[in-house]
Amino acid sequence: DEFRRDPEDMRGWFSIGYHGEKRF
């Protein structure tokens, strides 16, 4: 999956790719 974080936002990393459910 592809993730993003914004330094000013303390929530941390969040998915921006939404590929995490694909299985290999």
PDB file of all heavy atoms in Angstrom:
ATOM      1  N   ASP A   1       0.844  -1.188   0.000  1.00  0.00           N
ATOM      2  CA  ASP A   1       0.000   0.000   0.000  1.00  0.00           C
ATOM      3  C   ASP A   1       0.879   1.237   0.000  1.00  0.00           C
ATOM      4  O   ASP A   1       2.053   1.179   0.368  1.00  0.00           O
ATOM      5  CB  ASP A   1      -0.954   0.035   1.197  1.00  0.00           C
ATOM      6  CG  ASP A   1      -2.230   0.829   0.896  1.00  0.00           C
ATOM      7  OD1 ASP A   1      -2.298   1.498  -0.160  1.00  0.00           O
ATOM      8  OD2 ASP A   1      -3.147   0.794   1.725  1.00  0.00           O
ATOM      9  N   GLU A   2       0.290   2.336  -0.447  1.00  0.00           N
ATOM     10  CA  GLU A   2       0.955   3.641  -0.459  1.00  0.00           C
ATOM     11  C   GLU A   2       0.347   4.478   0.663  1.00  0.00           C
ATOM     12  O   GLU A   2      -0.871   4.507   0.829  1.00  0.00           O
ATOM     13  CB  GLU A   2       0.745   4.319  -1.804  1.00  0.00           C
ATOM     14  CG  GLU A   2       1.498   5.619  -1.958  1.00  0.00           C
ATOM     15  CD  GLU A   2       1.346   6.224  -3.346  1.00  0.00           C
ATOM     16  OE1 GLU A   2       0.420   5.840  -4.085  1.00  0.00           O
ATOM     17  OE2 GLU A   2       2.160   7.092  -3.673  1.00  0.00           O
ATOM     18  N   PHE A   3       1.202   5.125   1.437  1.00  0.00           N
ATOM     19  CA  PHE A   3       0.780   5.897   2.601  1.00  0.00           C
ATOM     20  C   PHE A   3       1.297   7.318   2.538  1.00  0.00           C
ATOM     21  O   PHE A   3       2.294   7.603   1.881  1.00  0.00           O
ATOM     22  CB  PHE A   3       1.313   5.250   3.892  1.00  0.00           C
ATOM     23  CG  PHE A   3       0.821   3.861   4.120  1.00  0.00           C
ATOM     24  CD1 PHE A   3       1.544   2.775   3.666  1.00  0.00           C
ATOM     25  CD2 PHE A   3      -0.367   3.625   4.797  1.00  0.00           C
ATOM     26  CE1 PHE A   3       1.104   1.480   3.877  1.00  0.00           C
ATOM     27  CE2 PHE A   3      -0.823   2.346   5.020  1.00  0.00           C
ATOM     28  CZ  PHE A   3      -0.087   1.268   4.559  1.00  0.00           C
ATOM     29  N   ARG A   4       0.634   8.199   3.287  1.00  0.00           N
ATOM     30  CA  ARG A   4       1.055   9.598   3.421  1.00  0.00           C
ATOM     31  C   ARG A   4       0.937  10.003   4.886  1.00  0.00           C
ATOM     32  O   ARG A   4       0.106   9.483   5.613  1.00  0.00           O
ATOM     33  CB  ARG A   4       0.149  10.495   2.577  1.00  0.00           C
ATOM     34  CG  ARG A   4       0.475  11.971   2.761  1.00  0.00           C
ATOM     35  CD  ARG A   4      -0.387  12.862   1.869  1.00  0.00           C
ATOM     36  NE  ARG A   4      -0.085  14.244   2.132  1.00  0.00           N
ATOM     37  CZ  ARG A   4       0.927  14.908   1.605  1.00  0.00           C
ATOM     38  NH1 ARG A   4       1.733  14.322   0.764  1.00  0.00           N
ATOM     39  NH2 ARG A   4       1.135  16.173   1.903  1.00  0.00           N
ATOM     40  N   ARG A   5       1.783  10.927   5.276  1.00  0.00           N
ATOM     41  CA  ARG A   5       1.646  11.567   6.584  1.00  0.00           C
ATOM     42  C   ARG A   5       1.938  13.037   6.421  1.00  0.00           C
ATOM     43  O   ARG A   5       2.727  13.450   5.571  1.00  0.00           O
ATOM     44  CB  ARG A   5       2.580  10.956   7.620  1.00  0.00           C
ATOM     45  CG  ARG A   5       4.028  11.288   7.395  1.00  0.00           C
ATOM     46  CD  ARG A   5       4.897  10.766   8.499  1.00  0.00           C
ATOM     47  NE  ARG A   5       6.286  10.987   8.123  1.00  0.00           N
ATOM     48  CZ  ARG A   5       7.262  11.059   8.962  1.00  0.00           C
ATOM     49  NH1 ARG A   5       7.029  10.913  10.254  1.00  0.00           N
ATOM     50  NH2 ARG A   5       8.483  11.265   8.559  1.00  0.00           N
ATOM     51  N   ASP A   6       1.256  13.823   7.227  1.00  0.00           N
ATOM     52  CA  ASP A   6       1.484  15.259   7.246  1.00  0.00           C
ATOM     53  C   ASP A   6       2.128  15.588   8.581  1.00  0.00           C
ATOM     54  O   ASP A   6       1.563  15.285   9.630  1.00  0.00           O
ATOM     55  CB  ASP A   6       0.155  16.005   7.095  1.00  0.00           C
ATOM     56  CG  ASP A   6      -0.496  15.709   5.751  1.00  0.00           C
ATOM     57  OD1 ASP A   6       0.216  15.786   4.734  1.00  0.00           O
ATOM     58  OD2 ASP A   6      -1.694  15.396   5.723  1.00  0.00           O
ATOM     59  N   PRO A   7       3.329  16.171   8.572  1.00  0.00           N
ATOM     60  CA  PRO A   7       4.059  16.416   9.818  1.00  0.00           C
ATOM     61  C   PRO A   7       3.254  17.195  10.866  1.00  0.00           C
ATOM     62  O   PRO A   7       3.407  16.959  12.057  1.00  0.00           O
ATOM     63  CB  PRO A   7       5.284  17.218   9.373  1.00  0.00           C
ATOM     64  CG  PRO A   7       5.459  16.867   7.934  1.00  0.00           C
ATOM     65  CD  PRO A   7       4.085  16.602   7.401  1.00  0.00           C
ATOM     66  N   GLU A   8       2.369  18.094  10.418  1.00  0.00           N
ATOM     67  CA  GLU A   8       1.591  18.885  11.373  1.00  0.00           C
ATOM     68  C   GLU A   8       0.394  18.108  11.938  1.00  0.00           C
ATOM     69  O   GLU A   8      -0.234  18.549  12.897  1.00  0.00           O
ATOM     70  CB  GLU A   8       1.106  20.186  10.716  1.00  0.00           C
ATOM     71  CG  GLU A   8       0.115  19.998   9.593  1.00  0.00           C
ATOM     72  CD  GLU A   8       0.726  19.674   8.228  1.00  0.00           C
ATOM     73  OE1 GLU A   8       1.964  19.550   8.109  1.00  0.00           O
ATOM     74  OE2 GLU A   8      -0.046  19.518   7.279  1.00  0.00           O
ATOM     75  N   ASP A   9       0.119  16.932  11.384  1.00  0.00           N
ATOM     76  CA  ASP A   9      -1.013  16.109  11.808  1.00  0.00           C
ATOM     77  C   ASP A   9      -0.477  14.915  12.603  1.00  0.00           C
ATOM     78  O   ASP A   9       0.180  14.047  12.053  1.00  0.00           O
ATOM     79  CB  ASP A   9      -1.783  15.633  10.577  1.00  0.00           C
ATOM     80  CG  ASP A   9      -3.020  14.845  10.909  1.00  0.00           C
ATOM     81  OD1 ASP A   9      -3.184  14.418  12.066  1.00  0.00           O
ATOM     82  OD2 ASP A   9      -3.830  14.637   9.987  1.00  0.00           O
ATOM     83  N   MET A  10      -0.771  14.842  13.855  1.00  0.00           N
ATOM     84  CA  MET A  10      -0.198  13.824  14.736  1.00  0.00           C
ATOM     85  C   MET A  10      -0.843  12.442  14.590  1.00  0.00           C
ATOM     86  O   MET A  10      -0.489  11.513  15.294  1.00  0.00           O
ATOM     87  CB  MET A  10      -0.296  14.289  16.193  1.00  0.00           C
ATOM     88  CG  MET A  10       0.433  15.600  16.463  1.00  0.00           C
ATOM     89  SD  MET A  10       2.156  15.569  15.918  1.00  0.00           S
ATOM     90  CE  MET A  10       2.848  14.571  17.212  1.00  0.00           C
ATOM     91  N   ARG A  11      -1.771  12.277  13.651  1.00  0.00           N
ATOM     92  CA  ARG A  11      -2.419  10.971  13.481  1.00  0.00           C
ATOM     93  C   ARG A  11      -1.517   9.941  12.835  1.00  0.00           C
ATOM     94  O   ARG A  11      -1.783   8.758  12.886  1.00  0.00           O
ATOM     95  CB  ARG A  11      -3.700  11.119  12.672  1.00  0.00           C
ATOM     96  CG  ARG A  11      -4.794  11.834  13.451  1.00  0.00           C
ATOM     97  CD  ARG A  11      -6.035  11.955  12.632  1.00  0.00           C
ATOM     98  NE  ARG A  11      -5.788  12.935  11.554  1.00  0.00           N
ATOM     99  CZ  ARG A  11      -6.649  13.239  10.616  1.00  0.00           C
ATOM    100  NH1 ARG A  11      -7.813  12.636  10.569  1.00  0.00           N
ATOM    101  NH2 ARG A  11      -6.369  14.140   9.701  1.00  0.00           N
ATOM    102  N   GLY A  12      -0.450  10.366  12.172  1.00  0.00           N
ATOM    103  CA  GLY A  12       0.493   9.426  11.569  1.00  0.00           C
ATOM    104  C   GLY A  12       0.162   9.093  10.124  1.00  0.00           C
ATOM    105  O   GLY A  12      -0.472   9.867   9.420  1.00  0.00           O
ATOM    106  N   TRP A  13       0.600   7.920   9.688  1.00  0.00           N
ATOM    107  CA  TRP A  13       0.465   7.490   8.306  1.00  0.00           C
ATOM    108  C   TRP A  13      -0.958   7.038   8.009  1.00  0.00           C
ATOM    109  O   TRP A  13      -1.593   6.380   8.824  1.00  0.00           O
ATOM    110  CB  TRP A  13       1.419   6.332   8.024  1.00  0.00           C
ATOM    111  CG  TRP A  13       2.858   6.703   8.123  1.00  0.00           C
ATOM    112  CD1 TRP A  13       3.667   6.557   9.215  1.00  0.00           C
ATOM    113  CD2 TRP A  13       3.676   7.268   7.105  1.00  0.00           C
ATOM    114  NE1 TRP A  13       4.927   6.999   8.928  1.00  0.00           N
ATOM    115  CE2 TRP A  13       4.967   7.439   7.642  1.00  0.00           C
ATOM    116  CE3 TRP A  13       3.444   7.643   5.790  1.00  0.00           C
ATOM    117  CZ2 TRP A  13       6.016   7.965   6.903  1.00  0.00           C
ATOM    118  CZ3 TRP A  13       4.499   8.163   5.050  1.00  0.00           C
ATOM    119  CH2 TRP A  13       5.766   8.326   5.612  1.00  0.00           C
ATOM    120  N   PHE A  14      -1.443   7.352   6.790  1.00  0.00           N
ATOM    121  CA  PHE A  14      -2.752   6.866   6.356  1.00  0.00           C
ATOM    122  C   PHE A  14      -2.672   6.485   4.878  1.00  0.00           C
ATOM    123  O   PHE A  14      -1.873   7.030   4.117  1.00  0.00           O
ATOM    124  CB  PHE A  14      -3.852   7.904   6.605  1.00  0.00           C
ATOM    125  CG  PHE A  14      -3.602   9.239   5.977  1.00  0.00           C
ATOM    126  CD1 PHE A  14      -4.097   9.529   4.716  1.00  0.00           C
ATOM    127  CD2 PHE A  14      -2.878  10.223   6.649  1.00  0.00           C
ATOM    128  CE1 PHE A  14      -3.871  10.778   4.131  1.00  0.00           C
ATOM    129  CE2 PHE A  14      -2.648  11.466   6.079  1.00  0.00           C
ATOM    130  CZ  PHE A  14      -3.147  11.732   4.815  1.00  0.00           C
ATOM    131  N   SER A  15      -3.479   5.513   4.491  1.00  0.00           N
ATOM    132  CA  SER A  15      -3.449   5.007   3.126  1.00  0.00           C
ATOM    133  C   SER A  15      -3.952   6.060   2.142  1.00  0.00           C
ATOM    134  O   SER A  15      -4.974   6.700   2.362  1.00  0.00           O
ATOM    135  CB  SER A  15      -4.322   3.750   3.015  1.00  0.00           C
ATOM    136  OG  SER A  15      -4.377   3.314   1.670  1.00  0.00           O
ATOM    137  N   ILE A  16      -3.206   6.206   1.049  1.00  0.00           N
ATOM    138  CA  ILE A  16      -3.666   7.045  -0.061  1.00  0.00           C
ATOM    139  C   ILE A  16      -3.785   6.212  -1.339  1.00  0.00           C
ATOM    140  O   ILE A  16      -4.307   6.681  -2.333  1.00  0.00           O
ATOM    141  CB  ILE A  16      -2.756   8.271  -0.295  1.00  0.00           C
ATOM    142  CG1 ILE A  16      -1.332   7.849  -0.613  1.00  0.00           C
ATOM    143  CG2 ILE A  16      -2.826   9.213   0.889  1.00  0.00           C
ATOM    144  CD1 ILE A  16      -0.428   8.984  -1.085  1.00  0.00           C
ATOM    145  N   GLY A  17      -3.285   4.991  -1.288  1.00  0.00           N
ATOM    146  CA  GLY A  17      -3.320   4.138  -2.476  1.00  0.00           C
ATOM    147  C   GLY A  17      -4.480   3.165  -2.461  1.00  0.00           C
ATOM    148  O   GLY A  17      -4.969   2.743  -3.501  1.00  0.00           O
ATOM    149  N   TYR A  18      -4.903   2.797  -1.268  1.00  0.00           N
ATOM    150  CA  TYR A  18      -6.009   1.851  -1.094  1.00  0.00           C
ATOM    151  C   TYR A  18      -5.769   0.541  -1.845  1.00  0.00           C
ATOM    152  O   TYR A  18      -6.673  -0.009  -2.458  1.00  0.00           O
ATOM    153  CB  TYR A  18      -7.343   2.497  -1.496  1.00  0.00           C
ATOM    154  CG  TYR A  18      -7.584   3.782  -0.751  1.00  0.00           C
ATOM    155  CD1 TYR A  18      -7.443   5.010  -1.386  1.00  0.00           C
ATOM    156  CD2 TYR A  18      -7.905   3.773   0.604  1.00  0.00           C
ATOM    157  CE1 TYR A  18      -7.633   6.198  -0.690  1.00  0.00           C
ATOM    158  CE2 TYR A  18      -8.107   4.951   1.309  1.00  0.00           C
ATOM    159  CZ  TYR A  18      -7.960   6.157   0.653  1.00  0.00           C
ATOM    160  OH  TYR A  18      -8.145   7.326   1.341  1.00  0.00           O
ATOM    161  N   HIS A  19      -4.523   0.067  -1.766  1.00  0.00           N
ATOM    162  CA  HIS A  19      -4.152  -1.205  -2.392  1.00  0.00           C
ATOM    163  C   HIS A  19      -3.999  -2.323  -1.356  1.00  0.00           C
ATOM    164  O   HIS A  19      -3.696  -3.450  -1.715  1.00  0.00           O
ATOM    165  CB  HIS A  19      -2.819  -1.065  -3.144  1.00  0.00           C
ATOM    166  CG  HIS A  19      -2.806   0.040  -4.143  1.00  0.00           C
ATOM    167  ND1 HIS A  19      -3.548  -0.002  -5.309  1.00  0.00           N
ATOM    168  CD2 HIS A  19      -2.159   1.224  -4.159  1.00  0.00           C
ATOM    169  CE1 HIS A  19      -3.338   1.110  -5.999  1.00  0.00           C
ATOM    170  NE2 HIS A  19      -2.508   1.862  -5.316  1.00  0.00           N
ATOM    171  N   GLY A  20      -4.178  -2.012  -0.094  1.00  0.00           N
ATOM    172  CA  GLY A  20      -3.857  -2.935   0.991  1.00  0.00           C
ATOM    173  C   GLY A  20      -4.636  -4.226   1.025  1.00  0.00           C
ATOM    174  O   GLY A  20      -4.212  -5.188   1.651  1.00  0.00           O
ATOM    175  N   GLU A  21      -5.771  -4.294   0.351  1.00  0.00           N
ATOM    176  CA  GLU A  21      -6.570  -5.520   0.357  1.00  0.00           C
ATOM    177  C   GLU A  21      -6.174  -6.490  -0.753  1.00  0.00           C
ATOM    178  O   GLU A  21      -6.586  -7.647  -0.733  1.00  0.00           O
ATOM    179  CB  GLU A  21      -8.056  -5.179   0.248  1.00  0.00           C
ATOM    180  CG  GLU A  21      -8.576  -4.385   1.442  1.00  0.00           C
ATOM    181  CD  GLU A  21      -8.391  -5.119   2.765  1.00  0.00           C
ATOM    182  OE1 GLU A  21      -8.667  -6.342   2.819  1.00  0.00           O
ATOM    183  OE2 GLU A  21      -7.957  -4.472   3.738  1.00  0.00           O
ATOM    184  N   LYS A  22      -5.387  -6.025  -1.722  1.00  0.00           N
ATOM    185  CA  LYS A  22      -4.939  -6.919  -2.794  1.00  0.00           C
ATOM    186  C   LYS A  22      -4.012  -7.968  -2.201  1.00  0.00           C
ATOM    187  O   LYS A  22      -3.185  -7.662  -1.348  1.00  0.00           O
ATOM    188  CB  LYS A  22      -4.218  -6.121  -3.884  1.00  0.00           C
ATOM    189  CG  LYS A  22      -5.124  -5.147  -4.592  1.00  0.00           C
ATOM    190  CD  LYS A  22      -4.369  -4.302  -5.584  1.00  0.00           C
ATOM    191  CE  LYS A  22      -5.306  -3.271  -6.221  1.00  0.00           C
ATOM    192  NZ  LYS A  22      -4.587  -2.308  -7.029  1.00  0.00           N
ATOM    193  N   ARG A  23      -4.148  -9.212  -2.657  1.00  0.00           N
ATOM    194  CA  ARG A  23      -3.366 -10.319  -2.101  1.00  0.00           C
ATOM    195  C   ARG A  23      -2.481 -10.941  -3.169  1.00  0.00           C
ATOM    196  O   ARG A  23      -2.902 -11.120  -4.313  1.00  0.00           O
ATOM    197  CB  ARG A  23      -4.291 -11.377  -1.512  1.00  0.00           C
ATOM    198  CG  ARG A  23      -5.035 -10.850  -0.313  1.00  0.00           C
ATOM    199  CD  ARG A  23      -5.907 -11.920   0.338  1.00  0.00           C
ATOM    200  NE  ARG A  23      -6.547 -11.364   1.514  1.00  0.00           N
ATOM    201  CZ  ARG A  23      -5.996 -11.320   2.711  1.00  0.00           C
ATOM    202  NH1 ARG A  23      -4.794 -11.817   2.905  1.00  0.00           N
ATOM    203  NH2 ARG A  23      -6.648 -10.789   3.723  1.00  0.00           N
ATOM    204  N   PHE A  24      -1.271 -11.291  -2.734  1.00  0.00           N
ATOM    205  CA  PHE A  24      -0.289 -11.913  -3.608  1.00  0.00           C
ATOM    206  C   PHE A  24       0.300 -13.118  -2.894  1.00  0.00           C
ATOM    207  O   PHE A  24       0.430 -13.119  -1.668  1.00  0.00           O
ATOM    208  CB  PHE A  24       0.822 -10.908  -3.959  1.00  0.00           C
ATOM    209  CG  PHE A  24       0.290  -9.667  -4.628  1.00  0.00           C
ATOM    210  CD1 PHE A  24      -0.120  -8.583  -3.858  1.00  0.00           C
ATOM    211  CD2 PHE A  24       0.159  -9.597  -5.997  1.00  0.00           C
ATOM    212  CE1 PHE A  24      -0.639  -7.448  -4.457  1.00  0.00           C
ATOM    213  CE2 PHE A  24      -0.362  -8.467  -6.612  1.00  0.00           C
ATOM    214  CZ  PHE A  24      -0.759  -7.384  -5.839  1.00  0.00           C
TER     215      PHE A  24
END
